[in-house]
Amino acid sequence: MLKLESLESGYTGSTGVVVEPVSLGLNAGSFVCIIGRNGAGKSTLMRTIAGLQPAISGDSLLEGCPVSAMTAQERAQAISVVTTDRVSSPGLLARDVIELGRQPYTNWHGQLSSGDRDIVLEATRHAGAEQLTAMPFSSLSDGERQRVMIARALAQSSKLMVLDELTAFLDLPGRVEIMALLRRHARNTGKVVLMSSHDLELSLELAGQLWIVHEGQLLYGTSEALISNGVIERVFDNDDVSFDSSQRRFKLTSTSHAALA
């Protein structure tokens, strides 16, 4: 459903290549967590896949159609994007923000049909945002805003969801709930969900596949394969923290314990 063909991500000028060319494909129903250290290039890769910035070379294809060749409306119908950027929404209720997910399908008046409203209600329920709909979006906490933005993305009914640090402002139960929701959504609807996260242990537990951006390369595979191959330790271990493959969790090293004693 999603195919990367020698996709090279980065910027012109001094920054140059951020993620070297990668070729891979994802089937319908895939739930992928993208992990890596801060500044590794996760957001750049995701923006390039979604067509929000041009690739240095190569392309991403959605059901065989190059994203770079899509019109703005075609891309809005095919791809939903949520970032951690604070959305400016003066005067809008949370309900209004969620309804914006149907904008790519409405007429020039922006009027919602009864079918659109049903989709909005279902998306709101799935995201656990029902109690927020009548509240001004600007008054919501960061975690509440993220739930509303998730609902908007679900209401968009896109083939591909690109979610950058979606759970950054949620507590642990909220992160588990949302990631489990997105995994079910991908499997039940045949969508592809790409989600970057700093929650490494939860990503290892819930993702069908992991993409790890590391030193300009994209490493990918199942959690089991990346753990057994030692990739997780190689990317994330440092003097203070090490990955325990038997328990699938990170622990303080003995040196770090001694320093804290």
Protein backbone atom coordinates (compact mmCIF):
# COMPACT_ATOMS: atom_id res chain seq x y z
CA MET A 1 0.00 0.00 0.00
CA LEU A 2 2.88 2.34 0.85
CA LYS A 3 6.15 2.04 -1.04
CA LEU A 4 9.34 4.02 -0.68
CA GLU A 5 11.41 4.02 -3.85
CA SER A 6 15.00 5.11 -3.18
CA LEU A 7 13.56 7.89 -1.02
CA GLU A 8 16.28 10.27 0.17
CA SER A 9 15.28 12.83 2.80
CA GLY A 10 16.98 16.08 3.71
CA TYR A 11 17.46 19.67 2.69
CA THR A 12 19.31 21.62 0.07
CA GLY A 13 22.31 23.61 1.22
CA SER A 14 24.63 22.91 4.11
CA THR A 15 22.27 20.49 5.91
CA GLY A 16 22.16 18.10 2.97
CA VAL A 17 21.06 14.47 3.28
CA VAL A 18 19.40 13.54 6.58
CA VAL A 19 18.25 9.99 5.76
CA GLU A 20 19.99 8.10 2.98
CA PRO A 21 17.98 6.47 0.17
CA VAL A 22 15.66 3.72 1.37
CA SER A 23 13.44 1.31 -0.55
CA LEU A 24 10.76 -0.72 1.22
CA GLY A 25 7.06 -1.45 1.16
CA LEU A 26 4.27 -1.71 3.71
CA ASN A 27 1.10 -3.74 3.36
CA ALA A 28 -2.35 -2.45 4.21
CA GLY A 29 -3.01 -2.66 7.95
CA SER A 30 0.58 -1.88 8.97
CA PHE A 31 1.26 -0.06 12.24
CA VAL A 32 4.84 1.22 12.31
CA CYS A 33 6.60 3.08 15.10
CA ILE A 34 9.53 5.26 14.07
CA ILE A 35 12.14 5.67 16.79
CA GLY A 36 15.62 7.13 17.12
CA ARG A 37 17.61 9.61 19.10
CA ASN A 38 16.74 13.30 19.15
CA GLY A 39 17.79 14.99 15.94
CA ALA A 40 18.25 11.72 14.06
CA GLY A 41 15.85 12.80 11.29
CA LYS A 42 12.54 11.10 12.14
CA SER A 43 10.44 14.20 11.48
CA THR A 44 12.29 14.97 8.26
CA LEU A 45 11.67 11.46 6.96
CA MET A 46 7.99 11.57 7.90
CA ARG A 47 7.44 14.98 6.33
CA THR A 48 9.08 13.75 3.14
CA ILE A 49 6.93 10.60 3.00
CA ALA A 50 3.79 12.72 3.48
CA GLY A 51 4.77 15.16 0.74
CA LEU A 52 5.12 18.12 3.11
CA GLN A 53 8.66 18.69 1.89
CA PRO A 54 10.32 17.55 -1.33
CA ALA A 55 12.57 14.51 -1.38
CA ILE A 56 16.18 14.98 -2.42
CA SER A 57 15.65 11.97 -4.68
CA GLY A 58 13.20 9.11 -5.04
CA ASP A 59 9.57 9.18 -3.99
CA SER A 60 6.91 7.65 -1.78
CA LEU A 61 3.99 5.93 -3.50
CA LEU A 62 0.57 5.33 -2.02
CA GLU A 63 -1.33 2.56 -3.80
CA GLY A 64 1.01 3.09 -6.74
CA CYS A 65 0.49 6.87 -6.97
CA PRO A 66 3.56 9.06 -6.34
CA VAL A 67 2.79 11.42 -3.45
CA SER A 68 4.79 14.16 -5.19
CA ALA A 69 2.35 14.02 -8.13
CA MET A 70 -0.78 14.42 -6.01
CA THR A 71 -2.73 17.65 -5.92
CA ALA A 72 -3.22 19.31 -2.54
CA GLN A 73 -6.78 17.95 -2.32
CA GLU A 74 -5.74 14.44 -3.35
CA ARG A 75 -3.00 14.46 -0.74
CA ALA A 76 -5.41 15.75 1.94
CA GLN A 77 -7.80 12.88 1.17
CA ALA A 78 -5.03 10.27 1.07
CA ILE A 79 -2.78 11.35 3.96
CA SER A 80 -3.56 12.74 7.40
CA VAL A 81 -0.75 14.37 9.38
CA VAL A 82 -0.55 15.24 13.07
CA THR A 83 2.48 16.97 14.60
CA THR A 84 3.34 18.37 18.02
CA ASP A 85 3.10 21.93 16.66
CA ARG A 86 0.50 23.98 18.49
CA VAL A 87 -2.39 24.66 16.14
CA SER A 88 -3.73 28.22 16.16
CA SER A 89 -7.53 28.07 16.32
CA PRO A 90 -9.01 31.35 17.58
CA GLY A 91 -12.72 30.99 18.25
CA LEU A 92 -12.94 27.31 17.32
CA LEU A 93 -14.45 24.66 19.54
CA ALA A 94 -12.81 21.26 19.71
CA ARG A 95 -15.77 19.96 17.67
CA ASP A 96 -14.94 22.43 14.89
CA VAL A 97 -11.33 21.27 14.77
CA ILE A 98 -12.38 17.62 14.45
CA GLU A 99 -14.85 18.51 11.70
CA LEU A 100 -11.98 20.05 9.71
CA GLY A 101 -10.91 16.49 9.03
CA ARG A 102 -13.82 16.25 6.58
CA GLN A 103 -12.84 19.43 4.71
CA PRO A 104 -11.14 17.57 1.81
CA TYR A 105 -14.51 15.95 1.01
CA THR A 106 -16.96 18.84 1.43
CA ASN A 107 -18.29 21.28 -1.15
CA TRP A 108 -16.95 24.81 -1.42
CA HIS A 109 -19.34 25.91 1.36
CA GLY A 110 -17.67 23.44 3.71
CA GLN A 111 -21.03 21.98 4.71
CA LEU A 112 -20.98 18.53 6.31
CA SER A 113 -23.39 15.86 5.13
CA SER A 114 -25.10 13.48 7.54
CA GLY A 115 -22.50 10.89 6.51
CA ASP A 116 -19.69 13.32 7.35
CA ARG A 117 -21.20 13.96 10.77
CA ASP A 118 -21.46 10.24 11.46
CA ILE A 119 -17.76 9.85 10.62
CA VAL A 120 -16.88 12.77 12.91
CA LEU A 121 -18.88 11.30 15.79
CA GLU A 122 -17.25 7.89 15.36
CA ALA A 123 -13.76 9.41 15.19
CA THR A 124 -14.44 11.49 18.29
CA ARG A 125 -15.60 8.43 20.20
CA HIS A 126 -12.61 6.34 19.15
CA ALA A 127 -10.19 9.07 20.25
CA GLY A 128 -11.90 9.43 23.63
CA ALA A 129 -12.61 13.10 22.98
CA GLU A 130 -16.39 13.21 23.45
CA GLN A 131 -16.19 15.26 26.65
CA LEU A 132 -14.03 17.88 24.93
CA THR A 133 -16.14 18.75 21.89
CA ALA A 134 -17.96 21.75 23.38
CA MET A 135 -14.80 23.30 24.84
CA PRO A 136 -12.76 26.05 23.13
CA PHE A 137 -9.79 24.32 21.52
CA SER A 138 -7.45 27.04 22.80
CA SER A 139 -8.45 26.24 26.40
CA LEU A 140 -7.44 22.57 26.22
CA SER A 141 -4.34 21.10 27.80
CA ASP A 142 -1.64 19.70 25.52
CA GLY A 143 -2.85 16.15 26.14
CA GLU A 144 -6.46 17.08 25.39
CA ARG A 145 -5.38 18.87 22.22
CA GLN A 146 -3.63 15.73 21.04
CA ARG A 147 -6.81 13.68 21.51
CA VAL A 148 -8.74 16.20 19.44
CA MET A 149 -6.06 16.13 16.72
CA ILE A 150 -6.18 12.31 16.71
CA ALA A 151 -9.96 12.51 16.25
CA ARG A 152 -9.48 14.94 13.37
CA ALA A 153 -6.99 12.58 11.72
CA LEU A 154 -9.39 9.65 12.10
CA ALA A 155 -12.23 11.73 10.67
CA GLN A 156 -10.09 12.43 7.60
CA SER A 157 -10.51 8.77 6.57
CA SER A 158 -7.11 8.75 4.88
CA LYS A 159 -5.22 5.71 3.60
CA LEU A 160 -2.05 6.83 5.40
CA MET A 161 -1.73 8.43 8.82
CA VAL A 162 1.57 10.17 9.62
CA LEU A 163 1.75 11.01 13.32
CA ASP A 164 4.79 12.81 14.69
CA GLU A 165 5.27 12.45 18.47
CA LEU A 166 1.53 12.01 18.82
CA THR A 167 1.60 10.82 22.44
CA ALA A 168 4.24 13.28 23.70
CA PHE A 169 1.83 15.05 26.08
CA LEU A 170 -0.16 12.05 27.28
CA ASP A 171 0.34 10.19 30.55
CA LEU A 172 1.30 6.50 30.45
CA PRO A 173 -2.27 5.10 30.44
CA GLY A 174 -3.15 7.59 27.72
CA ARG A 175 -0.14 6.59 25.61
CA VAL A 176 -1.01 2.90 25.88
CA GLU A 177 -4.66 3.59 25.03
CA ILE A 178 -3.89 5.72 21.96
CA MET A 179 -1.19 3.43 20.56
CA ALA A 180 -3.43 0.38 21.01
CA LEU A 181 -6.26 2.32 19.33
CA LEU A 182 -4.08 3.17 16.33
CA ARG A 183 -2.86 -0.41 15.99
CA ARG A 184 -6.48 -1.65 15.97
CA HIS A 185 -7.45 1.10 13.52
CA ALA A 186 -4.74 0.01 11.08
CA ARG A 187 -5.64 -3.66 11.32
CA ASN A 188 -9.41 -3.21 11.20
CA THR A 189 -9.52 -0.68 8.36
CA GLY A 190 -6.51 -1.65 6.27
CA LYS A 191 -4.91 1.78 6.68
CA VAL A 192 -1.18 2.35 7.16
CA VAL A 193 -0.17 4.20 10.34
CA LEU A 194 3.31 5.68 10.75
CA MET A 195 3.96 7.07 14.21
CA SER A 196 7.17 8.47 15.66
CA SER A 197 7.69 8.02 19.37
CA HIS A 198 10.23 8.45 22.15
CA ASP A 199 8.47 5.74 24.15
CA LEU A 200 10.84 2.96 23.14
CA GLU A 201 9.52 0.18 25.36
CA LEU A 202 5.91 0.79 24.38
CA SER A 203 6.90 0.90 20.70
CA LEU A 204 8.70 -2.43 21.06
CA GLU A 205 5.57 -3.90 22.63
CA LEU A 206 2.88 -2.60 20.28
CA ALA A 207 4.38 -1.86 16.86
CA GLY A 208 4.00 -4.40 14.08
CA GLN A 209 7.25 -3.06 12.65
CA LEU A 210 9.88 -0.62 13.87
CA TRP A 211 11.78 1.90 11.80
CA ILE A 212 14.92 3.19 13.50
CA VAL A 213 16.57 6.33 12.13
CA HIS A 214 20.24 6.13 13.05
CA GLU A 215 23.27 7.95 11.66
CA GLY A 216 21.56 8.75 8.39
CA GLN A 217 20.21 5.26 7.80
CA LEU A 218 16.80 3.66 8.23
CA LEU A 219 16.96 0.32 10.02
CA TYR A 220 13.72 -1.65 10.03
CA GLY A 221 12.17 -4.93 11.08
CA THR A 222 10.03 -6.50 13.76
CA SER A 223 10.81 -5.86 17.42
CA GLU A 224 11.98 -9.45 17.81
CA ALA A 225 14.38 -9.23 14.87
CA LEU A 226 15.87 -5.89 15.94
CA ILE A 227 16.33 -7.11 19.51
CA SER A 228 17.87 -10.45 18.54
CA ASN A 229 20.22 -8.73 16.06
CA GLY A 230 21.44 -6.35 18.76
CA VAL A 231 20.25 -3.27 16.87
CA ILE A 232 18.37 -1.78 19.84
CA GLU A 233 21.45 -1.97 22.09
CA ARG A 234 23.71 -0.56 19.38
CA VAL A 235 21.49 2.47 18.79
CA PHE A 236 20.34 3.34 22.30
CA ASP A 237 22.83 2.02 24.88
CA ASN A 238 25.08 4.58 26.55
CA ASP A 239 27.12 4.93 29.73
CA ASP A 240 23.99 5.41 31.85
CA VAL A 241 21.35 3.21 30.25
CA SER A 242 21.43 -0.24 28.66
CA PHE A 243 18.77 -2.40 27.04
CA ASP A 244 17.96 -5.72 28.71
CA SER A 245 16.83 -7.93 25.82
CA SER A 246 15.49 -10.66 28.13
CA GLN A 247 13.05 -8.23 29.79
CA ARG A 248 12.66 -5.93 26.75
CA ARG A 249 13.28 -2.83 28.84
CA PHE A 250 15.96 -0.24 29.54
CA LYS A 251 17.86 -0.24 32.82
CA LEU A 252 20.38 1.98 34.55
CA THR A 253 23.92 0.66 34.19
CA SER A 254 25.95 -0.33 37.23
CA THR A 255 28.10 2.78 36.72
CA SER A 256 25.00 4.98 36.80
CA HIS A 257 23.72 3.20 39.92
CA ALA A 258 27.02 3.81 41.67
CA ALA A 259 26.96 7.50 40.77
CA LEU A 260 23.47 7.85 42.26
CA ALA A 261 24.36 6.01 45.49
